[in-house]
Amino acid sequence: MKRIFVILTLVFSFLSVHAADITPISNAFKSGNASPLTSSMDKEVDVAVPGSSKKCGGSEAVAMLNTFFGANKPAGFSVLHNADKKDSGFLVGKLPTANGEFRVNVTYKSDGNKAIIQSIRIE
């Protein structure tokens, strides 16, 4: 029994080493400031916010998010689900704002322990 526990512990610790850090994404949504995510954006990012949807560069994606945050001041952010695969992952979150609650979906690829954002959908 002890041997199985040790093996499972090693397997889970190995898997967690490959998990990308989503803390910067979560913090940006909590604070309502996407500017710190500039270095976390992929070359092209699919962005969908209420009233607009497009594929754009990282700096334009940050500008779209900041425009959204200007119109919808966040009152927090909570990650409902997060999953990592070999080189990619996603998160689903809840974003309460002054204008109602939004569901946030973010997909990313892993670069070491850094999450490189590929798509953001706010509904």
Protein backbone atom coordinates (compact mmCIF):
# COMPACT_ATOMS: atom_id res chain seq x y z
CA MET A 1 0.00 0.00 0.00
CA LYS A 2 2.83 2.35 0.87
CA ARG A 3 4.50 1.60 -2.47
CA ILE A 4 1.33 2.54 -4.41
CA PHE A 5 1.07 5.80 -2.48
CA VAL A 6 4.70 6.70 -3.28
CA ILE A 7 4.22 5.89 -6.98
CA LEU A 8 1.03 7.97 -7.20
CA THR A 9 2.72 10.87 -5.41
CA LEU A 10 5.60 10.81 -7.89
CA VAL A 11 3.25 10.64 -10.88
CA PHE A 12 1.16 13.58 -9.66
CA SER A 13 4.21 15.66 -8.80
CA PHE A 14 5.63 15.01 -12.28
CA LEU A 15 2.36 16.07 -13.91
CA SER A 16 2.12 19.25 -11.87
CA VAL A 17 5.58 20.37 -13.02
CA HIS A 18 4.20 20.90 -16.52
CA ALA A 19 1.25 23.04 -15.42
CA ALA A 20 1.28 26.60 -16.71
CA ASP A 21 0.91 29.42 -14.20
CA ILE A 22 -2.49 31.07 -14.72
CA THR A 23 -2.08 33.50 -11.81
CA PRO A 24 -1.27 36.51 -14.06
CA ILE A 25 -4.45 35.88 -16.07
CA SER A 26 -6.57 35.57 -12.95
CA ASN A 27 -5.02 38.71 -11.43
CA ALA A 28 -5.65 40.72 -14.61
CA PHE A 29 -9.35 39.81 -14.57
CA LYS A 30 -9.62 40.53 -10.83
CA SER A 31 -8.03 43.95 -11.14
CA GLY A 32 -9.69 44.91 -14.42
CA ASN A 33 -6.32 45.70 -15.99
CA ALA A 34 -5.16 43.60 -18.95
CA SER A 35 -1.92 45.54 -19.53
CA PRO A 36 0.24 43.06 -17.53
CA LEU A 37 -0.89 40.34 -19.97
CA THR A 38 0.87 41.94 -22.95
CA SER A 39 3.83 39.57 -22.67
CA SER A 40 1.48 36.60 -22.18
CA MET A 41 -0.34 37.02 -25.49
CA ASP A 42 0.36 34.83 -28.52
CA LYS A 43 1.18 36.45 -31.89
CA GLU A 44 -2.50 36.12 -32.87
CA VAL A 45 -5.28 35.94 -30.30
CA ASP A 46 -8.98 35.19 -30.87
CA VAL A 47 -10.88 37.68 -28.72
CA ALA A 48 -14.65 37.73 -28.23
CA VAL A 49 -16.20 40.27 -25.90
CA PRO A 50 -19.85 41.35 -25.93
CA GLY A 51 -20.34 43.33 -29.14
CA SER A 52 -17.02 42.42 -30.77
CA SER A 53 -15.17 39.34 -31.95
CA LYS A 54 -11.93 39.21 -33.93
CA LYS A 55 -8.53 37.66 -34.39
CA CYS A 56 -5.88 40.23 -33.57
CA GLY A 57 -2.37 40.80 -32.30
CA GLY A 58 -1.50 40.71 -28.62
CA SER A 59 -1.47 44.48 -28.04
CA GLU A 60 -4.86 44.89 -29.72
CA ALA A 61 -6.24 42.02 -27.61
CA VAL A 62 -5.05 43.82 -24.46
CA ALA A 63 -6.69 47.05 -25.70
CA MET A 64 -9.99 45.21 -26.34
CA LEU A 65 -9.91 43.75 -22.83
CA ASN A 66 -9.13 47.11 -21.25
CA THR A 67 -12.04 48.67 -23.18
CA PHE A 68 -14.29 45.90 -21.86
CA PHE A 69 -13.01 46.47 -18.30
CA GLY A 70 -13.64 50.22 -18.68
CA ALA A 71 -17.30 49.53 -19.43
CA ASN A 72 -17.63 46.63 -16.95
CA LYS A 73 -15.68 47.23 -13.75
CA PRO A 74 -14.78 43.81 -12.25
CA ALA A 75 -15.85 43.06 -8.68
CA GLY A 76 -13.61 39.98 -8.45
CA PHE A 77 -12.82 36.89 -10.48
CA SER A 78 -12.92 33.20 -9.68
CA VAL A 79 -11.56 30.27 -11.67
CA LEU A 80 -14.28 27.63 -11.93
CA HIS A 81 -12.27 25.09 -13.90
CA ASN A 82 -8.69 24.80 -15.12
CA ALA A 83 -7.09 21.96 -17.05
CA ASP A 84 -3.65 21.44 -18.54
CA LYS A 85 -2.70 18.95 -21.21
CA LYS A 86 0.76 18.27 -22.57
CA ASP A 87 1.44 21.68 -24.17
CA SER A 88 -1.85 23.53 -23.71
CA GLY A 89 -4.64 24.28 -21.31
CA PHE A 90 -7.75 26.28 -20.63
CA LEU A 91 -9.55 28.00 -17.82
CA VAL A 92 -13.18 28.85 -17.24
CA GLY A 93 -13.95 31.66 -14.84
CA LYS A 94 -16.74 33.76 -13.40
CA LEU A 95 -16.37 37.55 -13.65
CA PRO A 96 -18.83 39.55 -11.56
CA THR A 97 -18.99 43.19 -12.66
CA ALA A 98 -21.05 46.28 -11.93
CA ASN A 99 -23.12 45.40 -15.04
CA GLY A 100 -23.72 41.72 -14.32
CA GLU A 101 -21.84 38.46 -14.30
CA PHE A 102 -19.81 37.17 -17.25
CA ARG A 103 -18.36 33.77 -18.06
CA VAL A 104 -14.72 33.84 -19.19
CA ASN A 105 -13.04 31.15 -21.29
CA VAL A 106 -9.30 31.35 -21.95
CA THR A 107 -7.22 28.86 -23.94
CA TYR A 108 -3.45 28.94 -23.82
CA LYS A 109 -0.34 27.04 -24.77
CA SER A 110 2.37 26.30 -22.24
CA ASP A 111 5.84 27.74 -22.60
CA GLY A 112 7.65 26.26 -19.63
CA ASN A 113 5.45 27.28 -16.74
CA LYS A 114 4.13 30.39 -18.54
CA ALA A 115 0.66 30.45 -20.14
CA ILE A 116 0.66 32.02 -23.62
CA ILE A 117 -2.91 33.14 -24.33
CA GLN A 118 -4.40 31.99 -27.64
CA SER A 119 -8.07 32.87 -27.18
CA ILE A 120 -10.29 34.81 -24.78
CA ARG A 121 -14.08 34.65 -24.82
CA ILE A 122 -16.21 36.72 -22.46
CA GLU A 123 -19.93 35.94 -22.52
